[in-house]
C-alpha atoms as a PDB file:
ATOM      1  CA  UNK A   1      83.632  88.185 125.294  1.00  0.00           C
ATOM      2  CA  UNK A   2      86.416  90.645 126.037  1.00  0.00           C
ATOM      3  CA  UNK A   3      86.507  93.982 124.156  1.00  0.00           C
ATOM      4  CA  UNK A   4      89.674  95.883 123.323  1.00  0.00           C
ATOM      5  CA  UNK A   5      91.231  98.704 121.334  1.00  0.00           C
ATOM      6  CA  UNK A   6      94.589  99.073 119.725  1.00  0.00           C
ATOM      7  CA  UNK A   7      96.500 102.284 120.548  1.00  0.00           C
ATOM      8  CA  UNK A   8      99.822 103.836 119.428  1.00  0.00           C
ATOM      9  CA  UNK A   9     102.149 106.243 121.187  1.00  0.00           C
ATOM     10  CA  UNK A  10     101.636 109.571 119.429  1.00  0.00           C
ATOM     11  CA  UNK A  11     105.306 110.465 119.852  1.00  0.00           C
ATOM     12  CA  UNK A  12     106.654 107.055 118.693  1.00  0.00           C
ATOM     13  CA  UNK A  13     104.299 105.317 116.185  1.00  0.00           C
ATOM     14  CA  UNK A  14     106.209 102.015 116.604  1.00  0.00           C
ATOM     15  CA  UNK A  15     105.166 101.809 120.297  1.00  0.00           C
ATOM     16  CA  UNK A  16     101.765 100.176 120.527  1.00  0.00           C
ATOM     17  CA  UNK A  17      99.485  98.593 123.121  1.00  0.00           C
ATOM     18  CA  UNK A  18      96.145  96.857 123.440  1.00  0.00           C
ATOM     19  CA  UNK A  19      93.690  98.272 126.077  1.00  0.00           C
ATOM     20  CA  UNK A  20      90.700  96.518 127.544  1.00  0.00           C
ATOM     21  CA  UNK A  21      87.405  98.425 127.235  1.00  0.00           C
ATOM     22  CA  UNK A  22      83.955  97.746 128.609  1.00  0.00           C
ATOM     23  CA  UNK A  23      82.416  94.599 127.190  1.00  0.00           C
ATOM     24  CA  UNK A  24      80.032  95.288 124.277  1.00  0.00           C
ATOM     25  CA  UNK A  25      77.190  93.379 126.039  1.00  0.00           C
ATOM     26  CA  UNK A  26      77.417  95.524 129.113  1.00  0.00           C
ATOM     27  CA  UNK A  27      76.967  98.904 127.402  1.00  0.00           C
ATOM     28  CA  UNK A  28      74.074 101.135 128.459  1.00  0.00           C
ATOM     29  CA  UNK A  29      73.306 103.406 125.569  1.00  0.00           C
ATOM     30  CA  UNK A  30      71.885 106.798 125.761  1.00  0.00           C
ATOM     31  CA  UNK A  31      68.596 107.468 123.867  1.00  0.00           C
ATOM     32  CA  UNK A  32      70.450 108.997 120.784  1.00  0.00           C
ATOM     33  CA  UNK A  33      73.229 106.361 120.539  1.00  0.00           C
ATOM     34  CA  UNK A  34      74.091 103.262 118.426  1.00  0.00           C
ATOM     35  CA  UNK A  35      76.870 100.744 118.935  1.00  0.00           C
ATOM     36  CA  UNK A  36      78.441  99.165 115.976  1.00  0.00           C
ATOM     37  CA  UNK A  37      80.832  96.168 116.227  1.00  0.00           C
ATOM     38  CA  UNK A  38      83.911  96.841 114.172  1.00  0.00           C
ATOM     39  CA  UNK A  39      83.864  93.670 111.872  1.00  0.00           C
ATOM     40  CA  UNK A  40      86.972  94.361 109.759  1.00  0.00           C
ATOM     41  CA  UNK A  41      89.024  97.232 108.467  1.00  0.00           C
ATOM     42  CA  UNK A  42      91.889  97.980 106.071  1.00  0.00           C
ATOM     43  CA  UNK A  43      95.371  99.118 107.062  1.00  0.00           C
ATOM     44  CA  UNK A  44      97.483 100.981 104.544  1.00  0.00           C
ATOM     45  CA  UNK A  45     100.262 103.493 104.468  1.00  0.00           C
ATOM     46  CA  UNK A  46      97.388 106.102 104.343  1.00  0.00           C
ATOM     47  CA  UNK A  47      96.710 105.204 107.996  1.00  0.00           C
ATOM     48  CA  UNK A  48     100.384 105.824 108.928  1.00  0.00           C
ATOM     49  CA  UNK A  49      99.882 109.318 107.414  1.00  0.00           C
ATOM     50  CA  UNK A  50      96.913 109.810 109.758  1.00  0.00           C
ATOM     51  CA  UNK A  51      99.259 109.162 112.640  1.00  0.00           C
ATOM     52  CA  UNK A  52     102.089 111.327 111.398  1.00  0.00           C
ATOM     53  CA  UNK A  53      99.737 114.270 110.729  1.00  0.00           C
ATOM     54  CA  UNK A  54      97.490 113.551 113.686  1.00  0.00           C
ATOM     55  CA  UNK A  55      98.144 116.865 115.373  1.00  0.00           C
ATOM     56  CA  UNK A  56      98.303 118.955 112.218  1.00  0.00           C
ATOM     57  CA  UNK A  57      94.885 117.884 110.709  1.00  0.00           C
ATOM     58  CA  UNK A  58      93.205 116.518 113.803  1.00  0.00           C
ATOM     59  CA  UNK A  59      93.125 112.857 113.181  1.00  0.00           C
ATOM     60  CA  UNK A  60      93.722 112.061 116.867  1.00  0.00           C
ATOM     61  CA  UNK A  61      90.442 113.877 117.651  1.00  0.00           C
ATOM     62  CA  UNK A  62      88.126 111.310 115.966  1.00  0.00           C
ATOM     63  CA  UNK A  63      88.617 108.573 118.601  1.00  0.00           C
ATOM     64  CA  UNK A  64      90.343 110.338 121.475  1.00  0.00           C
ATOM     65  CA  UNK A  65      92.408 108.593 124.183  1.00  0.00           C
ATOM     66  CA  UNK A  66      95.000 110.882 125.872  1.00  0.00           C
ATOM     67  CA  UNK A  67      97.838 113.299 125.303  1.00  0.00           C
ATOM     68  CA  UNK A  68     100.445 110.499 124.888  1.00  0.00           C
ATOM     69  CA  UNK A  69      98.328 107.693 123.229  1.00  0.00           C
ATOM     70  CA  UNK A  70      95.904 107.727 120.361  1.00  0.00           C
ATOM     71  CA  UNK A  71      93.850 105.556 118.039  1.00  0.00           C
ATOM     72  CA  UNK A  72      94.756 105.796 114.299  1.00  0.00           C
ATOM     73  CA  UNK A  73      91.549 105.873 112.221  1.00  0.00           C
ATOM     74  CA  UNK A  74      90.872 103.171 109.656  1.00  0.00           C
ATOM     75  CA  UNK A  75      88.275 102.678 107.010  1.00  0.00           C
ATOM     76  CA  UNK A  76      86.169  99.600 107.834  1.00  0.00           C
ATOM     77  CA  UNK A  77      82.847  97.912 108.127  1.00  0.00           C
ATOM     78  CA  UNK A  78      80.715  97.772 111.304  1.00  0.00           C
ATOM     79  CA  UNK A  79      77.476  96.007 112.169  1.00  0.00           C
ATOM     80  CA  UNK A  80      74.800  97.603 114.350  1.00  0.00           C
ATOM     81  CA  UNK A  81      74.593  95.558 117.636  1.00  0.00           C
ATOM     82  CA  UNK A  82      72.197  97.825 119.505  1.00  0.00           C
ATOM     83  CA  UNK A  83      70.307 101.001 118.512  1.00  0.00           C
ATOM     84  CA  UNK A  84      68.228 103.625 120.120  1.00  0.00           C
ATOM     85  CA  UNK A  85      67.812 105.644 116.995  1.00  0.00           C
ATOM     86  CA  UNK A  86      65.043 105.316 114.519  1.00  0.00           C
ATOM     87  CA  UNK A  87      66.145 104.212 111.038  1.00  0.00           C
ATOM     88  CA  UNK A  88      69.354 102.507 112.278  1.00  0.00           C
ATOM     89  CA  UNK A  89      68.548  98.856 113.035  1.00  0.00           C
ATOM     90  CA  UNK A  90      70.487  95.901 114.609  1.00  0.00           C
ATOM     91  CA  UNK A  91      72.087  93.867 111.797  1.00  0.00           C
ATOM     92  CA  UNK A  92      72.564  96.883 109.459  1.00  0.00           C
ATOM     93  CA  UNK A  93      76.146  97.126 108.147  1.00  0.00           C
ATOM     94  CA  UNK A  94      77.884 100.487 107.673  1.00  0.00           C
ATOM     95  CA  UNK A  95      81.076 101.527 105.904  1.00  0.00           C
ATOM     96  CA  UNK A  96      83.000 104.370 107.396  1.00  0.00           C
ATOM     97  CA  UNK A  97      85.655 105.684 109.725  1.00  0.00           C
ATOM     98  CA  UNK A  98      86.493 103.407 112.690  1.00  0.00           C
ATOM     99  CA  UNK A  99      89.004 103.126 115.362  1.00  0.00           C
ATOM    100  CA  UNK A 100      91.006  99.751 115.547  1.00  0.00           C
ATOM    101  CA  UNK A 101      88.732  98.599 118.387  1.00  0.00           C
ATOM    102  CA  UNK A 102      86.060  96.002 119.122  1.00  0.00           C
ATOM    103  CA  UNK A 103      83.262  98.549 118.729  1.00  0.00           C
ATOM    104  CA  UNK A 104      82.330 102.169 118.148  1.00  0.00           C
ATOM    105  CA  UNK A 105      79.562 104.079 119.850  1.00  0.00           C
ATOM    106  CA  UNK A 106      78.019 106.847 117.511  1.00  0.00           C
ATOM    107  CA  UNK A 107      75.115 109.366 117.675  1.00  0.00           C
ATOM    108  CA  UNK A 108      73.552 109.238 114.283  1.00  0.00           C
ATOM    109  CA  UNK A 109      72.019 112.303 112.690  1.00  0.00           C
ATOM    110  CA  UNK A 110      70.601 112.966 109.241  1.00  0.00           C
ATOM    111  CA  UNK A 111      69.535 109.308 109.037  1.00  0.00           C
ATOM    112  CA  UNK A 112      68.396 108.085 105.574  1.00  0.00           C
ATOM    113  CA  UNK A 113      68.262 104.762 103.891  1.00  0.00           C
ATOM    114  CA  UNK A 114      71.757 105.589 102.528  1.00  0.00           C
ATOM    115  CA  UNK A 115      73.370 106.167 105.870  1.00  0.00           C
ATOM    116  CA  UNK A 116      73.910 108.710 108.675  1.00  0.00           C
ATOM    117  CA  UNK A 117      76.352 111.301 110.044  1.00  0.00           C
ATOM    118  CA  UNK A 118      77.864 110.874 113.485  1.00  0.00           C
ATOM    119  CA  UNK A 119      76.818 113.834 115.543  1.00  0.00           C
ATOM    120  CA  UNK A 120      78.990 113.079 118.554  1.00  0.00           C
ATOM    121  CA  UNK A 121      80.074 116.401 120.181  1.00  0.00           C
ATOM    122  CA  UNK A 122      83.854 115.724 119.913  1.00  0.00           C
ATOM    123  CA  UNK A 123      83.507 115.183 116.067  1.00  0.00           C
ATOM    124  CA  UNK A 124      81.382 118.293 115.397  1.00  0.00           C
ATOM    125  CA  UNK A 125      84.250 120.510 114.243  1.00  0.00           C
ATOM    126  CA  UNK A 126      85.987 117.718 112.288  1.00  0.00           C
ATOM    127  CA  UNK A 127      85.640 117.420 108.364  1.00  0.00           C
ATOM    128  CA  UNK A 128      82.197 116.132 107.648  1.00  0.00           C
ATOM    129  CA  UNK A 129      83.454 113.548 105.112  1.00  0.00           C
ATOM    130  CA  UNK A 130      84.998 111.556 107.802  1.00  0.00           C
ATOM    131  CA  UNK A 131      81.805 111.524 109.920  1.00  0.00           C
ATOM    132  CA  UNK A 132      79.548 109.833 107.345  1.00  0.00           C
ATOM    133  CA  UNK A 133      78.636 106.269 107.631  1.00  0.00           C
ATOM    134  CA  UNK A 134      77.173 104.579 104.365  1.00  0.00           C
ATOM    135  CA  UNK A 135      74.708 101.740 104.771  1.00  0.00           C
ATOM    136  CA  UNK A 136      76.049  98.728 102.917  1.00  0.00           C
ATOM    137  CA  UNK A 137      73.288  97.617 100.605  1.00  0.00           C
ATOM    138  CA  UNK A 138      73.411  96.637  96.930  1.00  0.00           C
ATOM    139  CA  UNK A 139      71.045  99.532  96.154  1.00  0.00           C
ATOM    140  CA  UNK A 140      73.495 101.907  97.822  1.00  0.00           C
ATOM    141  CA  UNK A 141      76.390 100.805  95.647  1.00  0.00           C
ATOM    142  CA  UNK A 142      77.992  98.140  97.891  1.00  0.00           C
ATOM    143  CA  UNK A 143      78.021  94.715  96.084  1.00  0.00           C
ATOM    144  CA  UNK A 144      79.255  92.303  98.791  1.00  0.00           C
ATOM    145  CA  UNK A 145      81.913  90.771  96.679  1.00  0.00           C
ATOM    146  CA  UNK A 146      83.831  94.058  96.837  1.00  0.00           C
ATOM    147  CA  UNK A 147      83.711  94.532 100.567  1.00  0.00           C
ATOM    148  CA  UNK A 148      87.474  94.223 101.026  1.00  0.00           C
ATOM    149  CA  UNK A 149      88.108  96.529  98.001  1.00  0.00           C
ATOM    150  CA  UNK A 150      85.875  99.247  99.559  1.00  0.00           C
ATOM    151  CA  UNK A 151      87.971  99.284 102.728  1.00  0.00           C
ATOM    152  CA  UNK A 152      91.332  99.078 101.086  1.00  0.00           C
ATOM    153  CA  UNK A 153      90.863 101.281  98.046  1.00  0.00           C
ATOM    154  CA  UNK A 154      87.685 103.432  98.317  1.00  0.00           C
ATOM    155  CA  UNK A 155      89.074 106.291 100.498  1.00  0.00           C
ATOM    156  CA  UNK A 156      92.371 106.334  98.594  1.00  0.00           C
ATOM    157  CA  UNK A 157      90.668 106.200  95.118  1.00  0.00           C
ATOM    158  CA  UNK A 158      88.269 108.960  96.162  1.00  0.00           C
ATOM    159  CA  UNK A 159      91.286 111.147  97.015  1.00  0.00           C
ATOM    160  CA  UNK A 160      92.842 110.200  93.633  1.00  0.00           C
ATOM    161  CA  UNK A 161      89.618 111.019  91.783  1.00  0.00           C
ATOM    162  CA  UNK A 162      89.322 114.329  93.517  1.00  0.00           C
ATOM    163  CA  UNK A 163      92.946 115.215  92.708  1.00  0.00           C
ATOM    164  CA  UNK A 164      92.376 114.311  89.021  1.00  0.00           C
ATOM    165  CA  UNK A 165      89.442 116.641  89.067  1.00  0.00           C
ATOM    166  CA  UNK A 166      91.275 119.380  90.996  1.00  0.00           C
ATOM    167  CA  UNK A 167      94.085 119.514  88.408  1.00  0.00           C
ATOM    168  CA  UNK A 168      91.729 119.520  85.450  1.00  0.00           C
ATOM    169  CA  UNK A 169      89.648 122.187  87.204  1.00  0.00           C
ATOM    170  CA  UNK A 170      92.848 124.400  87.388  1.00  0.00           C
ATOM    171  CA  UNK A 171      94.173 123.371  83.877  1.00  0.00           C
ATOM    172  CA  UNK A 172      97.149 121.719  85.509  1.00  0.00           C
ATOM    173  CA  UNK A 173      98.475 125.107  86.539  1.00  0.00           C
ATOM    174  CA  UNK A 174     100.103 125.257  83.089  1.00  0.00           C
ATOM    175  CA  UNK A 175     102.139 122.086  83.652  1.00  0.00           C
ATOM    176  CA  UNK A 176     102.849 119.678  80.720  1.00  0.00           C
ATOM    177  CA  UNK A 177     103.821 116.762  83.010  1.00  0.00           C
ATOM    178  CA  UNK A 178     102.686 115.744  86.431  1.00  0.00           C
ATOM    179  CA  UNK A 179     105.056 113.894  88.798  1.00  0.00           C
ATOM    180  CA  UNK A 180     103.766 111.560  91.491  1.00  0.00           C
ATOM    181  CA  UNK A 181     106.153 110.379  94.244  1.00  0.00           C
ATOM    182  CA  UNK A 182     105.606 107.104  96.048  1.00  0.00           C
ATOM    183  CA  UNK A 183     104.362 105.840  92.702  1.00  0.00           C
ATOM    184  CA  UNK A 184     103.674 102.374  94.026  1.00  0.00           C
ATOM    185  CA  UNK A 185     101.291 103.715  96.682  1.00  0.00           C
ATOM    186  CA  UNK A 186      97.533 103.020  96.133  1.00  0.00           C
ATOM    187  CA  UNK A 187      96.694 106.720  95.959  1.00  0.00           C
ATOM    188  CA  UNK A 188      99.423 107.430  93.485  1.00  0.00           C
ATOM    189  CA  UNK A 189      98.450 104.596  91.143  1.00  0.00           C
ATOM    190  CA  UNK A 190      94.811 105.465  91.592  1.00  0.00           C
ATOM    191  CA  UNK A 191      95.534 109.003  90.532  1.00  0.00           C
ATOM    192  CA  UNK A 192      97.738 107.846  87.628  1.00  0.00           C
ATOM    193  CA  UNK A 193      94.864 105.612  86.550  1.00  0.00           C
ATOM    194  CA  UNK A 194      92.427 108.472  86.557  1.00  0.00           C
ATOM    195  CA  UNK A 195      94.799 110.787  84.706  1.00  0.00           C
ATOM    196  CA  UNK A 196      95.482 108.240  82.022  1.00  0.00           C
ATOM    197  CA  UNK A 197      91.816 107.475  81.631  1.00  0.00           C
ATOM    198  CA  UNK A 198      90.685 111.119  81.459  1.00  0.00           C
ATOM    199  CA  UNK A 199      93.505 113.551  80.485  1.00  0.00           C
ATOM    200  CA  UNK A 200      96.162 114.378  77.989  1.00  0.00           C
ATOM    201  CA  UNK A 201      99.211 114.923  80.153  1.00  0.00           C
ATOM    202  CA  UNK A 202     102.423 113.076  80.729  1.00  0.00           C
ATOM    203  CA  UNK A 203     102.504 111.125  84.026  1.00  0.00           C
ATOM    204  CA  UNK A 204     105.858 110.487  85.683  1.00  0.00           C
ATOM    205  CA  UNK A 205     106.140 108.123  88.698  1.00  0.00           C
ATOM    206  CA  UNK A 206     108.926 108.366  91.301  1.00  0.00           C
ATOM    207  CA  UNK A 207     109.651 105.278  93.267  1.00  0.00           C
ATOM    208  CA  UNK A 208     112.377 103.286  95.024  1.00  0.00           C
ATOM    209  CA  UNK A 209     114.618 101.083  92.970  1.00  0.00           C
ATOM    210  CA  UNK A 210     113.023  98.042  94.754  1.00  0.00           C
ATOM    211  CA  UNK A 211     109.596  99.027  93.460  1.00  0.00           C
ATOM    212  CA  UNK A 212     110.538  99.847  89.906  1.00  0.00           C
ATOM    213  CA  UNK A 213     109.310  96.538  88.448  1.00  0.00           C
ATOM    214  CA  UNK A 214     105.926  96.784  90.240  1.00  0.00           C
ATOM    215  CA  UNK A 215     105.356 100.353  89.117  1.00  0.00           C
ATOM    216  CA  UNK A 216     106.296  99.687  85.537  1.00  0.00           C
ATOM    217  CA  UNK A 217     103.924  96.710  85.470  1.00  0.00           C
ATOM    218  CA  UNK A 218     101.015  98.922  86.373  1.00  0.00           C
ATOM    219  CA  UNK A 219     101.015 100.513  82.957  1.00  0.00           C
ATOM    220  CA  UNK A 220      99.634 103.831  84.075  1.00  0.00           C
ATOM    221  CA  UNK A 221     102.824 105.869  84.077  1.00  0.00           C
ATOM    222  CA  UNK A 222     104.437 107.209  80.949  1.00  0.00           C
ATOM    223  CA  UNK A 223     107.759 107.241  82.678  1.00  0.00           C
ATOM    224  CA  UNK A 224     109.142 105.654  85.914  1.00  0.00           C
ATOM    225  CA  UNK A 225     112.223 107.101  87.605  1.00  0.00           C
ATOM    226  CA  UNK A 226     113.810 106.019  90.934  1.00  0.00           C
ATOM    227  CA  UNK A 227     114.531 108.646  93.603  1.00  0.00           C
ATOM    228  CA  UNK A 228     118.362 108.624  92.826  1.00  0.00           C
ATOM    229  CA  UNK A 229     117.819 109.711  89.286  1.00  0.00           C
ATOM    230  CA  UNK A 230     115.599 112.704  89.711  1.00  0.00           C
ATOM    231  CA  UNK A 231     118.298 114.868  88.005  1.00  0.00           C
ATOM    232  CA  UNK A 232     117.808 112.907  84.811  1.00  0.00           C
ATOM    233  CA  UNK A 233     114.286 114.499  84.376  1.00  0.00           C
ATOM    234  CA  UNK A 234     113.916 117.159  81.704  1.00  0.00           C
ATOM    235  CA  UNK A 235     113.926 120.359  83.656  1.00  0.00           C
ATOM    236  CA  UNK A 236     112.974 122.639  80.779  1.00  0.00           C
ATOM    237  CA  UNK A 237     109.309 121.590  80.620  1.00  0.00           C
ATOM    238  CA  UNK A 238     106.763 122.898  83.169  1.00  0.00           C
ATOM    239  CA  UNK A 239     105.644 120.292  85.738  1.00  0.00           C
ATOM    240  CA  UNK A 240     103.279 119.884  88.705  1.00  0.00           C
ATOM    241  CA  UNK A 241     104.190 117.708  91.611  1.00  0.00           C
ATOM    242  CA  UNK A 242     102.013 115.496  93.863  1.00  0.00           C
ATOM    243  CA  UNK A 243     103.949 114.544  96.907  1.00  0.00           C
ATOM    244  CA  UNK A 244     102.631 111.230  98.315  1.00  0.00           C
ATOM    245  CA  UNK A 245     105.965 110.380  99.986  1.00  0.00           C
ATOM    246  CA  UNK A 246     106.506 113.375 102.162  1.00  0.00           C
ATOM    247  CA  UNK A 247     110.242 113.037 101.749  1.00  0.00           C
ATOM    248  CA  UNK A 248     111.730 116.466 102.223  1.00  0.00           C
ATOM    249  CA  UNK A 249     114.928 115.654 100.460  1.00  0.00           C
ATOM    250  CA  UNK A 250     113.086 114.557  97.307  1.00  0.00           C
ATOM    251  CA  UNK A 251     110.822 117.669  97.559  1.00  0.00           C
ATOM    252  CA  UNK A 252     113.910 119.887  97.830  1.00  0.00           C
ATOM    253  CA  UNK A 253     115.668 118.193  94.936  1.00  0.00           C
ATOM    254  CA  UNK A 254     112.702 118.517  92.617  1.00  0.00           C
ATOM    255  CA  UNK A 255     112.098 122.158  93.326  1.00  0.00           C
ATOM    256  CA  UNK A 256     115.728 123.116  92.903  1.00  0.00           C
ATOM    257  CA  UNK A 257     115.854 120.956  89.724  1.00  0.00           C
ATOM    258  CA  UNK A 258     112.855 122.582  88.099  1.00  0.00           C
ATOM    259  CA  UNK A 259     113.145 126.000  89.685  1.00  0.00           C
ATOM    260  CA  UNK A 260     110.370 128.292  88.129  1.00  0.00           C
ATOM    261  CA  UNK A 261     109.170 125.372  85.972  1.00  0.00           C
ATOM    262  CA  UNK A 262     107.607 123.839  89.131  1.00  0.00           C
ATOM    263  CA  UNK A 263     104.138 125.165  88.537  1.00  0.00           C
ATOM    264  CA  UNK A 264     102.310 123.544  91.340  1.00  0.00           C
ATOM    265  CA  UNK A 265     103.352 121.396  94.308  1.00  0.00           C
ATOM    266  CA  UNK A 266     101.150 119.764  96.846  1.00  0.00           C
ATOM    267  CA  UNK A 267     101.458 117.326  99.655  1.00  0.00           C
ATOM    268  CA  UNK A 268      98.983 114.512 100.013  1.00  0.00           C
ATOM    269  CA  UNK A 269     100.663 111.640 101.952  1.00  0.00           C
ATOM    270  CA  UNK A 270     103.610 110.952 104.184  1.00  0.00           C
ATOM    271  CA  UNK A 271     104.608 107.331 103.152  1.00  0.00           C
ATOM    272  CA  UNK A 272     108.208 108.345 103.932  1.00  0.00           C
ATOM    273  CA  UNK A 273     107.199 109.437 107.342  1.00  0.00           C
ATOM    274  CA  UNK A 274     110.680 109.035 108.714  1.00  0.00           C
ATOM    275  CA  UNK A 275     112.332 111.356 106.132  1.00  0.00           C
ATOM    276  CA  UNK A 276     111.058 114.713 107.263  1.00  0.00           C
ATOM    277  CA  UNK A 277     114.424 116.570 107.480  1.00  0.00           C
ATOM    278  CA  UNK A 278     115.180 119.041 104.758  1.00  0.00           C
ATOM    279  CA  UNK A 279     114.870 122.633 103.574  1.00  0.00           C
ATOM    280  CA  UNK A 280     111.882 124.644 104.820  1.00  0.00           C
ATOM    281  CA  UNK A 281     109.321 124.062 101.930  1.00  0.00           C
ATOM    282  CA  UNK A 282     108.299 127.785 102.114  1.00  0.00           C
ATOM    283  CA  UNK A 283     111.875 128.785 100.938  1.00  0.00           C
ATOM    284  CA  UNK A 284     112.086 126.431  97.955  1.00  0.00           C
ATOM    285  CA  UNK A 285     112.158 127.825  94.375  1.00  0.00           C
ATOM    286  CA  UNK A 286     109.145 127.523  92.154  1.00  0.00           C
ATOM    287  CA  UNK A 287     105.510 127.156  93.314  1.00  0.00           C
ATOM    288  CA  UNK A 288     105.353 127.017  97.071  1.00  0.00           C
ATOM    289  CA  UNK A 289     104.289 123.591  98.362  1.00  0.00           C
ATOM    290  CA  UNK A 290     100.742 123.489  99.749  1.00  0.00           C
ATOM    291  CA  UNK A 291      98.756 120.606 101.509  1.00  0.00           C
ATOM    292  CA  UNK A 292      96.023 119.202  99.402  1.00  0.00           C
ATOM    293  CA  UNK A 293      92.748 118.500 101.393  1.00  0.00           C
ATOM    294  CA  UNK A 294      90.457 116.403  99.350  1.00  0.00           C
ATOM    295  CA  UNK A 295      87.213 117.340 101.268  1.00  0.00           C
ATOM    296  CA  UNK A 296      87.626 121.068 100.174  1.00  0.00           C
ATOM    297  CA  UNK A 297      87.450 120.092  96.403  1.00  0.00           C
ATOM    298  CA  UNK A 298      84.640 117.644  97.155  1.00  0.00           C
ATOM    299  CA  UNK A 299      82.617 120.371  98.853  1.00  0.00           C
ATOM    300  CA  UNK A 300      83.350 122.634  95.848  1.00  0.00           C
ATOM    301  CA  UNK A 301      81.976 120.089  93.332  1.00  0.00           C
ATOM    302  CA  UNK A 302      79.029 119.185  95.493  1.00  0.00           C
ATOM    303  CA  UNK A 303      78.011 122.813  95.296  1.00  0.00           C
ATOM    304  CA  UNK A 304      78.699 123.149  91.568  1.00  0.00           C
ATOM    305  CA  UNK A 305      77.553 119.705  90.337  1.00  0.00           C
ATOM    306  CA  UNK A 306      75.269 118.523  93.078  1.00  0.00           C
ATOM    307  CA  UNK A 307      75.825 115.420  95.175  1.00  0.00           C
ATOM    308  CA  UNK A 308      74.164 113.091  92.620  1.00  0.00           C
ATOM    309  CA  UNK A 309      76.458 114.062  89.698  1.00  0.00           C
ATOM    310  CA  UNK A 310      79.528 113.862  91.897  1.00  0.00           C
ATOM    311  CA  UNK A 311      78.610 110.373  93.063  1.00  0.00           C
ATOM    312  CA  UNK A 312      77.822 109.338  89.518  1.00  0.00           C
ATOM    313  CA  UNK A 313      81.209 110.520  88.158  1.00  0.00           C
ATOM    314  CA  UNK A 314      83.074 108.918  91.008  1.00  0.00           C
ATOM    315  CA  UNK A 315      81.131 105.673  90.642  1.00  0.00           C
ATOM    316  CA  UNK A 316      81.978 105.424  86.951  1.00  0.00           C
ATOM    317  CA  UNK A 317      85.631 105.809  87.674  1.00  0.00           C
ATOM    318  CA  UNK A 318      85.534 103.435  90.610  1.00  0.00           C
ATOM    319  CA  UNK A 319      83.933 100.758  88.577  1.00  0.00           C
ATOM    320  CA  UNK A 320      86.672 100.921  85.951  1.00  0.00           C
ATOM    321  CA  UNK A 321      89.340 100.863  88.665  1.00  0.00           C
ATOM    322  CA  UNK A 322      87.866  97.643  90.171  1.00  0.00           C
ATOM    323  CA  UNK A 323      88.202  95.913  86.768  1.00  0.00           C
ATOM    324  CA  UNK A 324      91.983  96.242  86.778  1.00  0.00           C
ATOM    325  CA  UNK A 325      93.267  96.577  90.339  1.00  0.00           C
ATOM    326  CA  UNK A 326      93.246  92.802  91.227  1.00  0.00           C
ATOM    327  CA  UNK A 327      95.774  92.329  88.493  1.00  0.00           C
ATOM    328  CA  UNK A 328      98.088  94.575  90.440  1.00  0.00           C
ATOM    329  CA  UNK A 329      97.459  93.881  94.147  1.00  0.00           C
ATOM    330  CA  UNK A 330      96.402  90.915  96.269  1.00  0.00           C
ATOM    331  CA  UNK A 331      94.363  91.474  99.435  1.00  0.00           C
ATOM    332  CA  UNK A 332      95.449  89.546 102.411  1.00  0.00           C
ATOM    333  CA  UNK A 333      93.033  88.887 105.262  1.00  0.00           C
ATOM    334  CA  UNK A 334      94.532  88.786 108.785  1.00  0.00           C
ATOM    335  CA  UNK A 335      92.862  88.053 112.138  1.00  0.00           C
ATOM    336  CA  UNK A 336      93.584  88.454 115.842  1.00  0.00           C
ATOM    337  CA  UNK A 337      95.695  90.747 118.167  1.00  0.00           C
ATOM    338  CA  UNK A 338      99.025  89.358 116.986  1.00  0.00           C
ATOM    339  CA  UNK A 339      98.052  89.564 113.330  1.00  0.00           C
ATOM    340  CA  UNK A 340      97.092  93.247 113.792  1.00  0.00           C
ATOM    341  CA  UNK A 341     100.334  94.033 115.680  1.00  0.00           C
ATOM    342  CA  UNK A 342     102.553  92.304 113.119  1.00  0.00           C
ATOM    343  CA  UNK A 343     100.706  93.870 110.142  1.00  0.00           C
ATOM    344  CA  UNK A 344     100.787  97.358 111.664  1.00  0.00           C
ATOM    345  CA  UNK A 345     104.569  97.104 112.145  1.00  0.00           C
ATOM    346  CA  UNK A 346     104.904  95.804 108.622  1.00  0.00           C
ATOM    347  CA  UNK A 347     103.020  98.659 107.147  1.00  0.00           C
ATOM    348  CA  UNK A 348     104.785 101.191 109.312  1.00  0.00           C
ATOM    349  CA  UNK A 349     108.192  99.957 107.995  1.00  0.00           C
ATOM    350  CA  UNK A 350     106.868  99.885 104.384  1.00  0.00           C
ATOM    351  CA  UNK A 351     105.102  96.777 103.153  1.00  0.00           C
ATOM    352  CA  UNK A 352     105.496  95.550  99.623  1.00  0.00           C
ATOM    353  CA  UNK A 353     103.099  97.354  97.249  1.00  0.00           C
ATOM    354  CA  UNK A 354     101.551  94.193  95.726  1.00  0.00           C
ATOM    355  CA  UNK A 355      99.825  93.157  98.922  1.00  0.00           C
ATOM    356  CA  UNK A 356      97.068  94.937 100.838  1.00  0.00           C
ATOM    357  CA  UNK A 357      95.651  94.139 104.217  1.00  0.00           C
ATOM    358  CA  UNK A 358      92.218  93.650 105.762  1.00  0.00           C
ATOM    359  CA  UNK A 359      92.120  92.907 109.415  1.00  0.00           C
ATOM    360  CA  UNK A 360      89.648  91.482 111.930  1.00  0.00           C
ATOM    361  CA  UNK A 361      90.457  92.153 115.521  1.00  0.00           C
END
């Protein structure tokens, strides 16, 4: 059976290609290696952010190709096909960070019944959160009926959970309201869910006019405003802004609207990846925009709380989220090369928020 990988042009994300790679059956593994077939994976706007920020944050380095081409990482499920590492056995399934490819070769370290860390040399300096592979057993918190949900939502919801904790940890920087752009995105409504569940703060969602009905239907925002009506927001109250869109014009407008009442501003996503022109964020009035990096807050909490408490808190929030999210979004399963190409272009251009995608190459 032929093996292949899906690559994108690093300078033009709409330009893609499939490349043949060595057949899985022909691989000759080193003594510390394992090969996992990539069974399926989710594709969301978050993955487009990985491509846009590939050079800034290092996403191209996880599964390197060349200077001009790259593999956008995805969250998926793989099955061990062959292993030369004790504790990692053929047939075991692992959730983690994968390329859009037929398979992935890893060098497991810190192997336990719960999973392992890929110790491949090219990943050594990359954030450890992305190098961890969790064994998919019921005892490890992976009920099989939620396999698709794990891939679509788990990484985004984890970011949302950590953002909720980060703001509470900093007393919302003195803000009375929190504004979320790209309010229809999965990370945004995941954060809004956590905030509504845990905090006493007003939650304002910014969205396009076409997504207004969807965002209002979610029931997790106290107010929903389209991007053309930012000036209607009360500028006398202190606010914090979580920028999931990465639209420089919206960022500029909000900071000038609120001035010194913009108490905190952070970038998380770039769903509006094609709207990056605007005033230099460092020159905007109010709090200077900063990038939020979830692994930093996770590492802080793991030190303060311990891993067991962190996982327990996250697990409780995740369970509650799973009880409501299917009322909001339908997961669509897609197979094959053409299905991947079509879905990728659809997500790149901005897919409707009420559908999520799980793909099998």
